[in-house]
Amino acid sequence: MKENEITILYKKVDENPKVLKIKNTLEEKQKLVGGLIEVVPYIDNMLIICNEEGKIHNLEENIRFSNDYIAGDFFVIGDDYENGDFKSLTNEEIRRAKNDIRNRSVHYIKMYNVLENE
């Protein structure tokens, strides 16, 4: 059954992630990432939704993976693979994603490097 509103973890460039409740529509998802959406597998039953053309449009780097990065604003959402849809994140998924994002965040890495050099 499709959820009309879903709970996500939204991460803007150079900001800490925040929990939002959004309408479960394509238009709402596109508005949050500023363009066409791309779905990227993340941790367990979570997905990252980002701007499909973020790198092409030279959007600022947001989080890093070992051999890639997410450009621009993105959000984490639950994967309702059984119904071919998205679903709300649980409190545990939000906690886990926040911790992981903090460790991958370019914003956090910049701040950490500044503190290390003081």
Protein backbone atom coordinates (compact mmCIF):
# COMPACT_ATOMS: atom_id res chain seq x y z
CA MET A 1 0.00 0.00 0.00
CA LYS A 2 1.48 3.35 -1.09
CA GLU A 3 2.19 5.84 1.68
CA ASN A 4 0.86 9.34 0.88
CA GLU A 5 3.50 10.95 3.11
CA ILE A 6 6.90 9.50 3.85
CA THR A 7 9.64 10.23 6.36
CA ILE A 8 13.05 10.88 4.81
CA LEU A 9 16.48 12.12 5.85
CA TYR A 10 17.34 15.21 3.77
CA LYS A 11 20.95 16.35 3.32
CA LYS A 12 21.67 19.73 1.76
CA VAL A 13 25.25 20.57 0.78
CA ASP A 14 27.24 21.97 3.75
CA GLU A 15 24.39 21.34 6.20
CA ASN A 16 23.61 18.61 8.69
CA PRO A 17 20.95 16.09 7.64
CA LYS A 18 17.41 16.63 8.89
CA VAL A 19 14.31 14.48 9.09
CA LEU A 20 11.42 15.62 6.88
CA LYS A 21 7.95 14.34 6.10
CA ILE A 22 7.19 14.83 2.40
CA LYS A 23 4.43 13.97 -0.06
CA ASN A 24 5.23 10.70 -1.80
CA THR A 25 5.17 12.20 -5.30
CA LEU A 26 7.74 12.41 -8.07
CA GLU A 27 7.36 16.21 -8.16
CA GLU A 28 8.18 16.53 -4.45
CA LYS A 29 11.28 14.36 -4.83
CA GLN A 30 12.47 16.32 -7.89
CA LYS A 31 11.96 19.61 -6.04
CA LEU A 32 14.18 18.44 -3.15
CA VAL A 33 17.09 17.46 -5.42
CA GLY A 34 16.62 20.27 -7.94
CA GLY A 35 16.03 18.17 -11.04
CA LEU A 36 15.64 14.65 -12.37
CA ILE A 37 15.98 11.98 -9.71
CA GLU A 38 18.45 9.13 -9.62
CA VAL A 39 17.98 6.21 -7.24
CA VAL A 40 21.22 4.89 -5.72
CA PRO A 41 21.39 1.75 -3.52
CA TYR A 42 22.56 2.67 -0.03
CA ILE A 43 22.62 0.66 3.21
CA ASP A 44 20.35 -2.37 3.75
CA ASN A 45 16.82 -1.38 2.69
CA MET A 46 17.63 2.29 2.18
CA LEU A 47 18.16 4.27 -1.01
CA ILE A 48 19.71 7.63 -1.83
CA ILE A 49 17.70 9.91 -4.11
CA CYS A 50 19.89 12.53 -5.77
CA ASN A 51 19.97 14.76 -8.84
CA GLU A 52 20.66 12.54 -11.85
CA GLU A 53 22.59 15.38 -13.53
CA GLY A 54 24.34 16.69 -10.41
CA LYS A 55 27.85 16.03 -11.70
CA ILE A 56 27.04 17.24 -15.23
CA HIS A 57 25.80 20.54 -13.78
CA ASN A 58 28.84 20.75 -11.48
CA LEU A 59 26.77 20.72 -8.30
CA GLU A 60 28.89 20.84 -5.17
CA GLU A 61 30.15 17.56 -3.71
CA ASN A 62 28.05 16.53 -0.71
CA ILE A 63 29.17 13.10 0.52
CA ARG A 64 31.95 10.76 -0.53
CA PHE A 65 32.15 7.05 -1.10
CA SER A 66 35.38 5.15 -1.70
CA ASN A 67 35.38 5.74 -5.46
CA ASP A 68 32.50 8.16 -6.05
CA TYR A 69 30.47 10.99 -4.56
CA ILE A 70 26.98 12.46 -4.50
CA ALA A 71 26.78 15.96 -6.02
CA GLY A 72 24.15 18.38 -4.74
CA ASP A 73 21.34 17.92 -2.26
CA PHE A 74 20.00 14.40 -1.70
CA PHE A 75 17.85 12.38 0.65
CA VAL A 76 17.69 8.89 2.08
CA ILE A 77 14.44 6.97 1.77
CA GLY A 78 13.22 3.44 2.53
CA ASP A 79 13.09 0.84 -0.23
CA ASP A 80 9.70 -0.86 -0.49
CA TYR A 81 11.03 -3.37 -3.04
CA GLU A 82 8.12 -5.78 -2.47
CA ASN A 83 5.68 -3.18 -3.86
CA GLY A 84 8.09 -1.43 -6.22
CA ASP A 85 7.87 1.85 -4.30
CA PHE A 86 9.47 3.91 -1.57
CA LYS A 87 8.61 3.91 2.13
CA SER A 88 9.28 5.88 5.29
CA LEU A 89 12.52 5.42 7.18
CA THR A 90 12.31 3.87 10.63
CA ASN A 91 13.90 5.61 13.63
CA GLU A 92 16.72 3.05 13.56
CA GLU A 93 17.35 3.65 9.84
CA ILE A 94 17.43 7.42 10.45
CA ARG A 95 19.98 6.99 13.25
CA ARG A 96 22.14 4.68 11.13
CA ALA A 97 22.00 6.93 8.05
CA LYS A 98 22.80 10.07 10.10
CA ASN A 99 25.92 8.43 11.51
CA ASP A 100 27.06 7.18 8.11
CA ILE A 101 26.38 10.50 6.39
CA ARG A 102 28.30 12.39 9.06
CA ASN A 103 31.35 10.22 8.35
CA ARG A 104 31.05 10.68 4.57
CA SER A 105 30.01 14.33 4.57
CA VAL A 106 32.31 16.74 2.76
CA HIS A 107 31.03 19.48 5.15
CA TYR A 108 32.02 17.39 8.18
CA ILE A 109 35.39 16.50 6.64
CA LYS A 110 36.11 20.20 5.95
CA MET A 111 35.21 21.15 9.53
CA TYR A 112 37.29 18.29 10.93
CA ASN A 113 40.32 19.34 8.86
CA VAL A 114 40.01 22.95 10.05
CA LEU A 115 39.93 21.79 13.70
CA GLU A 116 42.91 19.49 13.12
CA ASN A 117 44.97 22.37 11.69
CA GLU A 118 44.26 24.79 14.56
